[in-house]
Amino acid sequence: MEAEILDVREPRKSVRGPQDEERRKEFRQDPANGRVLTLLVPNGTVLPKDLDRRKYKVRLRFIKK
């Protein structure tokens, strides 16, 4: 399946609120060497209907233009 890379950014850092508590609903520590990719799949009908991060793992293959 083809996808377009919309954005590449550094991993998230800790987000602390006023009482020094994590503001996110679910705590998640991104790996220090990780990168966050935002992808656009032009034809969303090819994605699984039950797509959920807990049910699927993604493997990427990059091809130079």
PDB file of N, CA and C in Angstrom:
ATOM      1  N   MET A   1       0.854  -1.160   0.000  1.00  0.00           N
ATOM      2  CA  MET A   1       0.000   0.000   0.000  1.00  0.00           C
ATOM      3  C   MET A   1       0.902   1.225   0.000  1.00  0.00           C
ATOM      4  N   GLU A   2       0.529   2.207  -0.772  1.00  0.00           N
ATOM      5  CA  GLU A   2       1.315   3.438  -0.841  1.00  0.00           C
ATOM      6  C   GLU A   2       0.772   4.474   0.127  1.00  0.00           C
ATOM      7  N   ALA A   3       1.679   5.313   0.608  1.00  0.00           N
ATOM      8  CA  ALA A   3       1.299   6.406   1.495  1.00  0.00           C
ATOM      9  C   ALA A   3       2.238   7.574   1.243  1.00  0.00           C
ATOM     10  N   GLU A   4       1.778   8.762   1.567  1.00  0.00           N
ATOM     11  CA  GLU A   4       2.574   9.972   1.412  1.00  0.00           C
ATOM     12  C   GLU A   4       3.026  10.434   2.798  1.00  0.00           C
ATOM     13  N   ILE A   5       4.305  10.780   2.923  1.00  0.00           N
ATOM     14  CA  ILE A   5       4.822  11.286   4.197  1.00  0.00           C
ATOM     15  C   ILE A   5       4.439  12.762   4.302  1.00  0.00           C
ATOM     16  N   LEU A   6       3.644  13.091   5.312  1.00  0.00           N
ATOM     17  CA  LEU A   6       3.227  14.474   5.516  1.00  0.00           C
ATOM     18  C   LEU A   6       4.161  15.222   6.456  1.00  0.00           C
ATOM     19  N   ASP A   7       4.712  14.509   7.455  1.00  0.00           N
ATOM     20  CA  ASP A   7       5.552  15.178   8.440  1.00  0.00           C
ATOM     21  C   ASP A   7       6.458  14.166   9.117  1.00  0.00           C
ATOM     22  N   VAL A   8       7.644  14.616   9.498  1.00  0.00           N
ATOM     23  CA  VAL A   8       8.587  13.824  10.289  1.00  0.00           C
ATOM     24  C   VAL A   8       9.025  14.733  11.425  1.00  0.00           C
ATOM     25  N   ARG A   9       8.922  14.239  12.659  1.00  0.00           N
ATOM     26  CA  ARG A   9       9.295  15.070  13.803  1.00  0.00           C
ATOM     27  C   ARG A   9       9.982  14.237  14.872  1.00  0.00           C
ATOM     28  N   GLU A  10      10.531  14.949  15.844  1.00  0.00           N
ATOM     29  CA  GLU A  10      11.191  14.307  16.981  1.00  0.00           C
ATOM     30  C   GLU A  10      10.144  13.637  17.872  1.00  0.00           C
ATOM     31  N   PRO A  11      10.556  12.694  18.722  1.00  0.00           N
ATOM     32  CA  PRO A  11       9.595  12.055  19.634  1.00  0.00           C
ATOM     33  C   PRO A  11       9.065  13.042  20.668  1.00  0.00           C
ATOM     34  N   ARG A  12       7.923  12.682  21.250  1.00  0.00           N
ATOM     35  CA  ARG A  12       7.317  13.543  22.274  1.00  0.00           C
ATOM     36  C   ARG A  12       8.164  13.554  23.529  1.00  0.00           C
ATOM     37  N   LYS A  13       8.087  14.654  24.232  1.00  0.00           N
ATOM     38  CA  LYS A  13       8.733  14.757  25.535  1.00  0.00           C
ATOM     39  C   LYS A  13       7.642  14.710  26.585  1.00  0.00           C
ATOM     40  N   SER A  14       8.015  14.601  27.812  1.00  0.00           N
ATOM     41  CA  SER A  14       7.052  14.565  28.908  1.00  0.00           C
ATOM     42  C   SER A  14       6.245  15.861  28.944  1.00  0.00           C
ATOM     43  N   VAL A  15       4.946  15.737  29.156  1.00  0.00           N
ATOM     44  CA  VAL A  15       4.074  16.904  29.249  1.00  0.00           C
ATOM     45  C   VAL A  15       3.546  16.964  30.669  1.00  0.00           C
ATOM     46  N   ARG A  16       3.984  17.960  31.405  1.00  0.00           N
ATOM     47  CA  ARG A  16       3.596  18.086  32.810  1.00  0.00           C
ATOM     48  C   ARG A  16       2.588  19.209  32.981  1.00  0.00           C
ATOM     49  N   GLY A  17       1.600  18.971  33.821  1.00  0.00           N
ATOM     50  CA  GLY A  17       0.585  19.968  34.124  1.00  0.00           C
ATOM     51  C   GLY A  17       0.987  20.798  35.327  1.00  0.00           C
ATOM     52  N   PRO A  18       0.069  21.617  35.842  1.00  0.00           N
ATOM     53  CA  PRO A  18       0.369  22.509  36.971  1.00  0.00           C
ATOM     54  C   PRO A  18       0.803  21.774  38.244  1.00  0.00           C
ATOM     55  N   GLN A  19       0.231  20.621  38.526  1.00  0.00           N
ATOM     56  CA  GLN A  19       0.602  19.861  39.724  1.00  0.00           C
ATOM     57  C   GLN A  19       1.701  18.845  39.418  1.00  0.00           C
ATOM     58  N   ASP A  20       2.451  19.073  38.337  1.00  0.00           N
ATOM     59  CA  ASP A  20       3.542  18.190  37.920  1.00  0.00           C
ATOM     60  C   ASP A  20       3.033  16.779  37.618  1.00  0.00           C
ATOM     61  N   GLU A  21       1.807  16.676  37.086  1.00  0.00           N
ATOM     62  CA  GLU A  21       1.241  15.389  36.688  1.00  0.00           C
ATOM     63  C   GLU A  21       1.199  15.322  35.170  1.00  0.00           C
ATOM     64  N   GLU A  22       1.287  14.134  34.650  1.00  0.00           N
ATOM     65  CA  GLU A  22       1.191  13.925  33.205  1.00  0.00           C
ATOM     66  C   GLU A  22      -0.190  14.367  32.729  1.00  0.00           C
ATOM     67  N   ARG A  23      -0.241  15.216  31.708  1.00  0.00           N
ATOM     68  CA  ARG A  23      -1.524  15.730  31.215  1.00  0.00           C
ATOM     69  C   ARG A  23      -2.203  14.778  30.238  1.00  0.00           C
ATOM     70  N   ARG A  24      -1.435  13.900  29.600  1.00  0.00           N
ATOM     71  CA  ARG A  24      -2.048  12.972  28.644  1.00  0.00           C
ATOM     72  C   ARG A  24      -2.909  11.951  29.375  1.00  0.00           C
ATOM     73  N   LYS A  25      -3.966  11.502  28.708  1.00  0.00           N
ATOM     74  CA  LYS A  25      -4.864  10.508  29.310  1.00  0.00           C
ATOM     75  C   LYS A  25      -4.145   9.179  29.519  1.00  0.00           C
ATOM     76  N   GLU A  26      -3.303   8.821  28.564  1.00  0.00           N
ATOM     77  CA  GLU A  26      -2.574   7.553  28.643  1.00  0.00           C
ATOM     78  C   GLU A  26      -1.078   7.856  28.536  1.00  0.00           C
ATOM     79  N   PHE A  27      -0.302   7.477  29.543  1.00  0.00           N
ATOM     80  CA  PHE A  27       1.137   7.751  29.537  1.00  0.00           C
ATOM     81  C   PHE A  27       1.811   6.942  28.436  1.00  0.00           C
ATOM     82  N   ARG A  28       2.687   7.580  27.693  1.00  0.00           N
ATOM     83  CA  ARG A  28       3.446   6.902  26.652  1.00  0.00           C
ATOM     84  C   ARG A  28       4.809   7.552  26.570  1.00  0.00           C
ATOM     85  N   GLN A  29       5.843   6.750  26.729  1.00  0.00           N
ATOM     86  CA  GLN A  29       7.221   7.234  26.635  1.00  0.00           C
ATOM     87  C   GLN A  29       7.760   6.846  25.267  1.00  0.00           C
ATOM     88  N   ASP A  30       8.033   7.819  24.419  1.00  0.00           N
ATOM     89  CA  ASP A  30       8.602   7.534  23.106  1.00  0.00           C
ATOM     90  C   ASP A  30      10.090   7.237  23.258  1.00  0.00           C
ATOM     91  N   PRO A  31      10.630   6.321  22.437  1.00  0.00           N
ATOM     92  CA  PRO A  31      12.065   6.034  22.485  1.00  0.00           C
ATOM     93  C   PRO A  31      12.881   7.281  22.138  1.00  0.00           C
ATOM     94  N   ALA A  32      14.006   7.453  22.786  1.00  0.00           N
ATOM     95  CA  ALA A  32      14.851   8.640  22.589  1.00  0.00           C
ATOM     96  C   ALA A  32      15.329   8.776  21.143  1.00  0.00           C
ATOM     97  N   ASN A  33      15.612   7.666  20.479  1.00  0.00           N
ATOM     98  CA  ASN A  33      16.102   7.703  19.092  1.00  0.00           C
ATOM     99  C   ASN A  33      14.975   7.588  18.073  1.00  0.00           C
ATOM    100  N   GLY A  34      13.725   7.596  18.534  1.00  0.00           N
ATOM    101  CA  GLY A  34      12.580   7.419  17.646  1.00  0.00           C
ATOM    102  C   GLY A  34      12.278   8.661  16.821  1.00  0.00           C
ATOM    103  N   ARG A  35      11.494   8.484  15.780  1.00  0.00           N
ATOM    104  CA  ARG A  35      10.988   9.570  14.944  1.00  0.00           C
ATOM    105  C   ARG A  35       9.494   9.323  14.761  1.00  0.00           C
ATOM    106  N   VAL A  36       8.726  10.367  14.707  1.00  0.00           N
ATOM    107  CA  VAL A  36       7.283  10.257  14.519  1.00  0.00           C
ATOM    108  C   VAL A  36       6.970  10.633  13.078  1.00  0.00           C
ATOM    109  N   LEU A  37       6.309   9.715  12.355  1.00  0.00           N
ATOM    110  CA  LEU A  37       5.922   9.958  10.969  1.00  0.00           C
ATOM    111  C   LEU A  37       4.418  10.163  10.902  1.00  0.00           C
ATOM    112  N   THR A  38       3.989  11.160  10.144  1.00  0.00           N
ATOM    113  CA  THR A  38       2.573  11.346   9.852  1.00  0.00           C
ATOM    114  C   THR A  38       2.391  10.957   8.393  1.00  0.00           C
ATOM    115  N   LEU A  39       1.540   9.959   8.161  1.00  0.00           N
ATOM    116  CA  LEU A  39       1.342   9.415   6.814  1.00  0.00           C
ATOM    117  C   LEU A  39      -0.068   9.687   6.322  1.00  0.00           C
ATOM    118  N   LEU A  40      -0.212   9.839   5.008  1.00  0.00           N
ATOM    119  CA  LEU A  40      -1.519   9.947   4.373  1.00  0.00           C
ATOM    120  C   LEU A  40      -1.671   8.774   3.423  1.00  0.00           C
ATOM    121  N   VAL A  41      -2.694   7.963   3.634  1.00  0.00           N
ATOM    122  CA  VAL A  41      -3.020   6.858   2.730  1.00  0.00           C
ATOM    123  C   VAL A  41      -4.114   7.384   1.806  1.00  0.00           C
ATOM    124  N   PRO A  42      -3.808   7.596   0.515  1.00  0.00           N
ATOM    125  CA  PRO A  42      -4.781   8.205  -0.396  1.00  0.00           C
ATOM    126  C   PRO A  42      -6.097   7.435  -0.523  1.00  0.00           C
ATOM    127  N   ASN A  43      -6.028   6.117  -0.486  1.00  0.00           N
ATOM    128  CA  ASN A  43      -7.235   5.310  -0.599  1.00  0.00           C
ATOM    129  C   ASN A  43      -7.474   4.603   0.732  1.00  0.00           C
ATOM    130  N   GLY A  44      -8.234   5.224   1.614  1.00  0.00           N
ATOM    131  CA  GLY A  44      -8.475   4.688   2.946  1.00  0.00           C
ATOM    132  C   GLY A  44      -9.264   3.393   2.965  1.00  0.00           C
ATOM    133  N   THR A  45      -9.881   3.023   1.838  1.00  0.00           N
ATOM    134  CA  THR A  45     -10.659   1.774   1.805  1.00  0.00           C
ATOM    135  C   THR A  45      -9.766   0.541   1.846  1.00  0.00           C
ATOM    136  N   VAL A  46      -8.459   0.713   1.591  1.00  0.00           N
ATOM    137  CA  VAL A  46      -7.549  -0.431   1.634  1.00  0.00           C
ATOM    138  C   VAL A  46      -7.072  -0.730   3.062  1.00  0.00           C
ATOM    139  N   LEU A  47      -7.373   0.172   3.993  1.00  0.00           N
ATOM    140  CA  LEU A  47      -7.008  -0.049   5.395  1.00  0.00           C
ATOM    141  C   LEU A  47      -7.999  -1.012   6.040  1.00  0.00           C
ATOM    142  N   PRO A  48      -7.543  -1.823   7.000  1.00  0.00           N
ATOM    143  CA  PRO A  48      -8.465  -2.733   7.691  1.00  0.00           C
ATOM    144  C   PRO A  48      -9.580  -1.960   8.387  1.00  0.00           C
ATOM    145  N   LYS A  49     -10.782  -2.507   8.349  1.00  0.00           N
ATOM    146  CA  LYS A  49     -11.947  -1.858   8.955  1.00  0.00           C
ATOM    147  C   LYS A  49     -11.780  -1.718  10.468  1.00  0.00           C
ATOM    148  N   ASP A  50     -11.092  -2.691  11.098  1.00  0.00           N
ATOM    149  CA  ASP A  50     -10.921  -2.678  12.550  1.00  0.00           C
ATOM    150  C   ASP A  50      -9.548  -2.154  12.964  1.00  0.00           C
ATOM    151  N   LEU A  51      -9.028  -1.200  12.193  1.00  0.00           N
ATOM    152  CA  LEU A  51      -7.692  -0.660  12.443  1.00  0.00           C
ATOM    153  C   LEU A  51      -7.616  -0.036  13.834  1.00  0.00           C
ATOM    154  N   ASP A  52      -6.696  -0.542  14.626  1.00  0.00           N
ATOM    155  CA  ASP A  52      -6.501  -0.077  15.998  1.00  0.00           C
ATOM    156  C   ASP A  52      -5.050  -0.350  16.349  1.00  0.00           C
ATOM    157  N   ARG A  53      -4.404   0.559  17.056  1.00  0.00           N
ATOM    158  CA  ARG A  53      -2.970   0.388  17.357  1.00  0.00           C
ATOM    159  C   ARG A  53      -2.692  -0.830  18.220  1.00  0.00           C
ATOM    160  N   ARG A  54      -3.694  -1.318  18.951  1.00  0.00           N
ATOM    161  CA  ARG A  54      -3.479  -2.501  19.794  1.00  0.00           C
ATOM    162  C   ARG A  54      -3.608  -3.801  19.005  1.00  0.00           C
ATOM    163  N   LYS A  55      -4.213  -3.746  17.816  1.00  0.00           N
ATOM    164  CA  LYS A  55      -4.456  -4.959  17.030  1.00  0.00           C
ATOM    165  C   LYS A  55      -3.452  -5.160  15.898  1.00  0.00           C
ATOM    166  N   TYR A  56      -2.800  -4.092  15.476  1.00  0.00           N
ATOM    167  CA  TYR A  56      -1.946  -4.174  14.293  1.00  0.00           C
ATOM    168  C   TYR A  56      -0.548  -3.638  14.568  1.00  0.00           C
ATOM    169  N   LYS A  57       0.404  -4.172  13.809  1.00  0.00           N
ATOM    170  CA  LYS A  57       1.783  -3.692  13.794  1.00  0.00           C
ATOM    171  C   LYS A  57       2.039  -3.219  12.362  1.00  0.00           C
ATOM    172  N   VAL A  58       2.821  -2.178  12.197  1.00  0.00           N
ATOM    173  CA  VAL A  58       3.101  -1.624  10.871  1.00  0.00           C
ATOM    174  C   VAL A  58       4.554  -1.893  10.516  1.00  0.00           C
ATOM    175  N   ARG A  59       4.767  -2.312   9.275  1.00  0.00           N
ATOM    176  CA  ARG A  59       6.123  -2.460   8.744  1.00  0.00           C
ATOM    177  C   ARG A  59       6.245  -1.520   7.558  1.00  0.00           C
ATOM    178  N   LEU A  60       7.347  -0.795   7.485  1.00  0.00           N
ATOM    179  CA  LEU A  60       7.528   0.188   6.424  1.00  0.00           C
ATOM    180  C   LEU A  60       8.654  -0.226   5.488  1.00  0.00           C
ATOM    181  N   ARG A  61       8.483   0.120   4.236  1.00  0.00           N
ATOM    182  CA  ARG A  61       9.556  -0.042   3.260  1.00  0.00           C
ATOM    183  C   ARG A  61       9.626   1.270   2.493  1.00  0.00           C
ATOM    184  N   PHE A  62      10.783   1.896   2.490  1.00  0.00           N
ATOM    185  CA  PHE A  62      10.947   3.171   1.828  1.00  0.00           C
ATOM    186  C   PHE A  62      11.546   2.970   0.446  1.00  0.00           C
ATOM    187  N   ILE A  63      10.966   3.653  -0.539  1.00  0.00           N
ATOM    188  CA  ILE A  63      11.455   3.606  -1.924  1.00  0.00           C
ATOM    189  C   ILE A  63      11.717   5.035  -2.340  1.00  0.00           C
ATOM    190  N   LYS A  64      12.946   5.321  -2.788  1.00  0.00           N
ATOM    191  CA  LYS A  64      13.285   6.674  -3.220  1.00  0.00           C
ATOM    192  C   LYS A  64      12.525   7.031  -4.496  1.00  0.00           C
ATOM    193  N   LYS A  65      12.092   8.293  -4.563  1.00  0.00           N
ATOM    194  CA  LYS A  65      11.355   8.767  -5.754  1.00  0.00           C
ATOM    195  C   LYS A  65      12.285   8.883  -6.936  1.00  0.00           C
TER     196      LYS A  65
END
